[in-house]
Amino acid sequence: TGPALEDVGEEPRTPTEATIARIWAQVLQLDRVGVHANFFELGGHSLLATQVVARIRSALGVAVPLRALFESPTVAALAEQVEIAHRLLEEVAALSPDDARAKMSAHRAPPREARQMEGRSI
């Protein structure tokens, strides 16, 4: 089983943190996980990380990239990333198709010729 109750750290403060903490506890086979505990210090590794992101996608409806867990290895930090992704998805869903196309075209890479010209002086 997991660490002693006094070693688990701060309890989850949001529903997202609670869901992620529950997922981590299941994957890591621990009783509980505090929001500031580090996934990798608790025994997590890349194979378990793939299970975590798959379960987050299933439970919370957000496809978190695997690197997010490496960059945000605590429940609190990862929950913040998930909540940001949720807000972005809600914003995109609220856009009209024309607005969505306009936003996408504004973020497209410049034409090949322009990229080739970058860094050259005339």
C-alpha atoms as a PDB file:
ATOM      1  CA  THR A   1       0.000   0.000   0.000  1.00  0.00           C
ATOM      2  CA  GLY A   2       0.916   3.668  -0.034  1.00  0.00           C
ATOM      3  CA  PRO A   3       2.596   6.078   2.333  1.00  0.00           C
ATOM      4  CA  ALA A   4       1.321   6.829   5.803  1.00  0.00           C
ATOM      5  CA  LEU A   5      -1.591   9.244   5.869  1.00  0.00           C
ATOM      6  CA  GLU A   6       0.538  12.060   7.311  1.00  0.00           C
ATOM      7  CA  ASP A   7       2.973  11.731   4.384  1.00  0.00           C
ATOM      8  CA  VAL A   8       0.462  12.269   1.571  1.00  0.00           C
ATOM      9  CA  GLY A   9       0.609  16.064   1.663  1.00  0.00           C
ATOM     10  CA  GLU A  10      -2.076  18.568   0.848  1.00  0.00           C
ATOM     11  CA  GLU A  11      -5.467  17.264  -0.211  1.00  0.00           C
ATOM     12  CA  PRO A  12      -6.900  18.153  -3.653  1.00  0.00           C
ATOM     13  CA  ARG A  13      -8.596  21.556  -3.736  1.00  0.00           C
ATOM     14  CA  THR A  14     -10.496  21.311  -7.022  1.00  0.00           C
ATOM     15  CA  PRO A  15     -12.455  18.595  -8.830  1.00  0.00           C
ATOM     16  CA  THR A  16      -9.692  18.407 -11.460  1.00  0.00           C
ATOM     17  CA  GLU A  17      -7.020  17.920  -8.792  1.00  0.00           C
ATOM     18  CA  ALA A  18      -9.176  15.263  -7.109  1.00  0.00           C
ATOM     19  CA  THR A  19      -9.588  13.342 -10.365  1.00  0.00           C
ATOM     20  CA  ILE A  20      -5.883  13.501 -11.201  1.00  0.00           C
ATOM     21  CA  ALA A  21      -4.897  12.504  -7.645  1.00  0.00           C
ATOM     22  CA  ARG A  22      -7.257   9.523  -7.845  1.00  0.00           C
ATOM     23  CA  ILE A  23      -5.797   8.485 -11.217  1.00  0.00           C
ATOM     24  CA  TRP A  24      -2.237   8.754  -9.909  1.00  0.00           C
ATOM     25  CA  ALA A  25      -3.111   6.747  -6.795  1.00  0.00           C
ATOM     26  CA  GLN A  26      -4.618   4.002  -8.951  1.00  0.00           C
ATOM     27  CA  VAL A  27      -1.737   3.895 -11.435  1.00  0.00           C
ATOM     28  CA  LEU A  28       0.951   4.096  -8.733  1.00  0.00           C
ATOM     29  CA  GLN A  29      -0.960   1.707  -6.449  1.00  0.00           C
ATOM     30  CA  LEU A  30      -0.984   4.173  -3.559  1.00  0.00           C
ATOM     31  CA  ASP A  31      -3.752   4.890  -1.068  1.00  0.00           C
ATOM     32  CA  ARG A  32      -3.628   8.660  -1.626  1.00  0.00           C
ATOM     33  CA  VAL A  33      -1.564  11.292  -3.400  1.00  0.00           C
ATOM     34  CA  GLY A  34      -1.004  14.873  -2.236  1.00  0.00           C
ATOM     35  CA  VAL A  35      -1.286  17.710  -4.730  1.00  0.00           C
ATOM     36  CA  HIS A  36       2.384  18.674  -4.412  1.00  0.00           C
ATOM     37  CA  ALA A  37       3.856  15.173  -4.618  1.00  0.00           C
ATOM     38  CA  ASN A  38       6.077  14.530  -7.640  1.00  0.00           C
ATOM     39  CA  PHE A  39       4.833  11.726  -9.900  1.00  0.00           C
ATOM     40  CA  PHE A  40       8.342  10.438 -10.575  1.00  0.00           C
ATOM     41  CA  GLU A  41       9.439  10.598  -6.932  1.00  0.00           C
ATOM     42  CA  LEU A  42       6.380   8.492  -6.072  1.00  0.00           C
ATOM     43  CA  GLY A  43       7.655   5.749  -8.382  1.00  0.00           C
ATOM     44  CA  GLY A  44       6.165   6.896 -11.668  1.00  0.00           C
ATOM     45  CA  HIS A  45       7.992   6.353 -14.953  1.00  0.00           C
ATOM     46  CA  SER A  46       7.289   6.857 -18.650  1.00  0.00           C
ATOM     47  CA  LEU A  47       5.200   3.690 -19.085  1.00  0.00           C
ATOM     48  CA  LEU A  48       2.978   4.631 -16.156  1.00  0.00           C
ATOM     49  CA  ALA A  49       2.838   8.209 -17.440  1.00  0.00           C
ATOM     50  CA  THR A  50       1.219   6.956 -20.652  1.00  0.00           C
ATOM     51  CA  GLN A  51      -1.476   5.273 -18.541  1.00  0.00           C
ATOM     52  CA  VAL A  52      -2.019   8.502 -16.614  1.00  0.00           C
ATOM     53  CA  VAL A  53      -2.530  10.654 -19.722  1.00  0.00           C
ATOM     54  CA  ALA A  54      -4.876   8.036 -21.228  1.00  0.00           C
ATOM     55  CA  ARG A  55      -6.951   7.967 -18.035  1.00  0.00           C
ATOM     56  CA  ILE A  56      -7.012  11.774 -17.852  1.00  0.00           C
ATOM     57  CA  ARG A  57      -8.296  11.896 -21.430  1.00  0.00           C
ATOM     58  CA  SER A  58     -11.001   9.367 -20.553  1.00  0.00           C
ATOM     59  CA  ALA A  59     -12.013  10.927 -17.212  1.00  0.00           C
ATOM     60  CA  LEU A  60     -11.696  14.629 -18.032  1.00  0.00           C
ATOM     61  CA  GLY A  61     -12.132  14.745 -21.809  1.00  0.00           C
ATOM     62  CA  VAL A  62      -8.802  16.466 -22.409  1.00  0.00           C
ATOM     63  CA  ALA A  63      -5.973  14.986 -24.438  1.00  0.00           C
ATOM     64  CA  VAL A  64      -2.944  15.937 -22.360  1.00  0.00           C
ATOM     65  CA  PRO A  65       0.362  15.407 -24.171  1.00  0.00           C
ATOM     66  CA  LEU A  66       2.740  13.018 -22.421  1.00  0.00           C
ATOM     67  CA  ARG A  67       5.354  15.762 -22.088  1.00  0.00           C
ATOM     68  CA  ALA A  68       2.884  17.747 -19.916  1.00  0.00           C
ATOM     69  CA  LEU A  69       3.363  15.211 -17.128  1.00  0.00           C
ATOM     70  CA  PHE A  70       7.142  15.534 -17.403  1.00  0.00           C
ATOM     71  CA  GLU A  71       6.915  19.338 -17.397  1.00  0.00           C
ATOM     72  CA  SER A  72       4.233  19.480 -14.668  1.00  0.00           C
ATOM     73  CA  PRO A  73       4.953  16.451 -12.456  1.00  0.00           C
ATOM     74  CA  THR A  74       2.693  17.386  -9.528  1.00  0.00           C
ATOM     75  CA  VAL A  75      -1.078  16.997  -9.303  1.00  0.00           C
ATOM     76  CA  ALA A  76      -1.456  20.755  -8.794  1.00  0.00           C
ATOM     77  CA  ALA A  77       0.695  21.686 -11.802  1.00  0.00           C
ATOM     78  CA  LEU A  78      -0.859  19.099 -14.107  1.00  0.00           C
ATOM     79  CA  ALA A  79      -4.370  20.086 -13.021  1.00  0.00           C
ATOM     80  CA  GLU A  80      -3.556  23.668 -13.982  1.00  0.00           C
ATOM     81  CA  GLN A  81      -2.507  22.485 -17.467  1.00  0.00           C
ATOM     82  CA  VAL A  82      -5.718  20.455 -17.802  1.00  0.00           C
ATOM     83  CA  GLU A  83      -7.841  23.437 -16.749  1.00  0.00           C
ATOM     84  CA  ILE A  84      -6.075  25.670 -19.289  1.00  0.00           C
ATOM     85  CA  ALA A  85      -6.784  23.069 -21.990  1.00  0.00           C
ATOM     86  CA  HIS A  86     -10.456  22.937 -20.910  1.00  0.00           C
ATOM     87  CA  ARG A  87     -10.752  26.735 -21.205  1.00  0.00           C
ATOM     88  CA  LEU A  88      -9.145  26.699 -24.665  1.00  0.00           C
ATOM     89  CA  LEU A  89     -11.493  23.950 -25.836  1.00  0.00           C
ATOM     90  CA  GLU A  90     -14.473  25.939 -24.576  1.00  0.00           C
ATOM     91  CA  GLU A  91     -13.245  29.057 -26.398  1.00  0.00           C
ATOM     92  CA  VAL A  92     -12.777  27.166 -29.643  1.00  0.00           C
ATOM     93  CA  ALA A  93     -16.186  25.507 -29.320  1.00  0.00           C
ATOM     94  CA  ALA A  94     -17.773  28.943 -28.925  1.00  0.00           C
ATOM     95  CA  LEU A  95     -16.276  30.253 -32.178  1.00  0.00           C
ATOM     96  CA  SER A  96     -18.232  30.371 -35.395  1.00  0.00           C
ATOM     97  CA  PRO A  97     -16.687  28.374 -38.271  1.00  0.00           C
ATOM     98  CA  ASP A  98     -15.556  31.626 -39.927  1.00  0.00           C
ATOM     99  CA  ASP A  99     -13.896  32.878 -36.742  1.00  0.00           C
ATOM    100  CA  ALA A 100     -12.208  29.504 -36.225  1.00  0.00           C
ATOM    101  CA  ARG A 101     -10.834  29.587 -39.801  1.00  0.00           C
ATOM    102  CA  ALA A 102      -9.591  33.151 -39.300  1.00  0.00           C
ATOM    103  CA  LYS A 103      -7.808  32.211 -36.055  1.00  0.00           C
ATOM    104  CA  MET A 104      -6.256  29.157 -37.682  1.00  0.00           C
ATOM    105  CA  SER A 105      -5.010  31.097 -40.700  1.00  0.00           C
ATOM    106  CA  ALA A 106      -3.499  33.733 -38.415  1.00  0.00           C
ATOM    107  CA  HIS A 107      -1.354  31.024 -36.812  1.00  0.00           C
ATOM    108  CA  ARG A 108      -0.240  29.237 -39.975  1.00  0.00           C
ATOM    109  CA  ALA A 109       3.414  29.101 -40.933  1.00  0.00           C
ATOM    110  CA  PRO A 110       4.527  31.705 -43.475  1.00  0.00           C
ATOM    111  CA  PRO A 111       4.894  30.609 -47.103  1.00  0.00           C
ATOM    112  CA  ARG A 112       8.001  28.628 -47.949  1.00  0.00           C
ATOM    113  CA  GLU A 113       9.591  31.519 -49.835  1.00  0.00           C
ATOM    114  CA  ALA A 114       9.229  33.829 -46.829  1.00  0.00           C
ATOM    115  CA  ARG A 115      10.783  31.217 -44.538  1.00  0.00           C
ATOM    116  CA  GLN A 116      13.692  30.812 -46.935  1.00  0.00           C
ATOM    117  CA  MET A 117      14.253  34.571 -47.016  1.00  0.00           C
ATOM    118  CA  GLU A 118      14.430  34.850 -43.228  1.00  0.00           C
ATOM    119  CA  GLY A 119      17.947  35.498 -42.076  1.00  0.00           C
ATOM    120  CA  ARG A 120      19.130  36.725 -45.477  1.00  0.00           C
ATOM    121  CA  SER A 121      20.099  40.323 -45.929  1.00  0.00           C
ATOM    122  CA  ILE A 122      19.249  42.128 -49.150  1.00  0.00           C
END
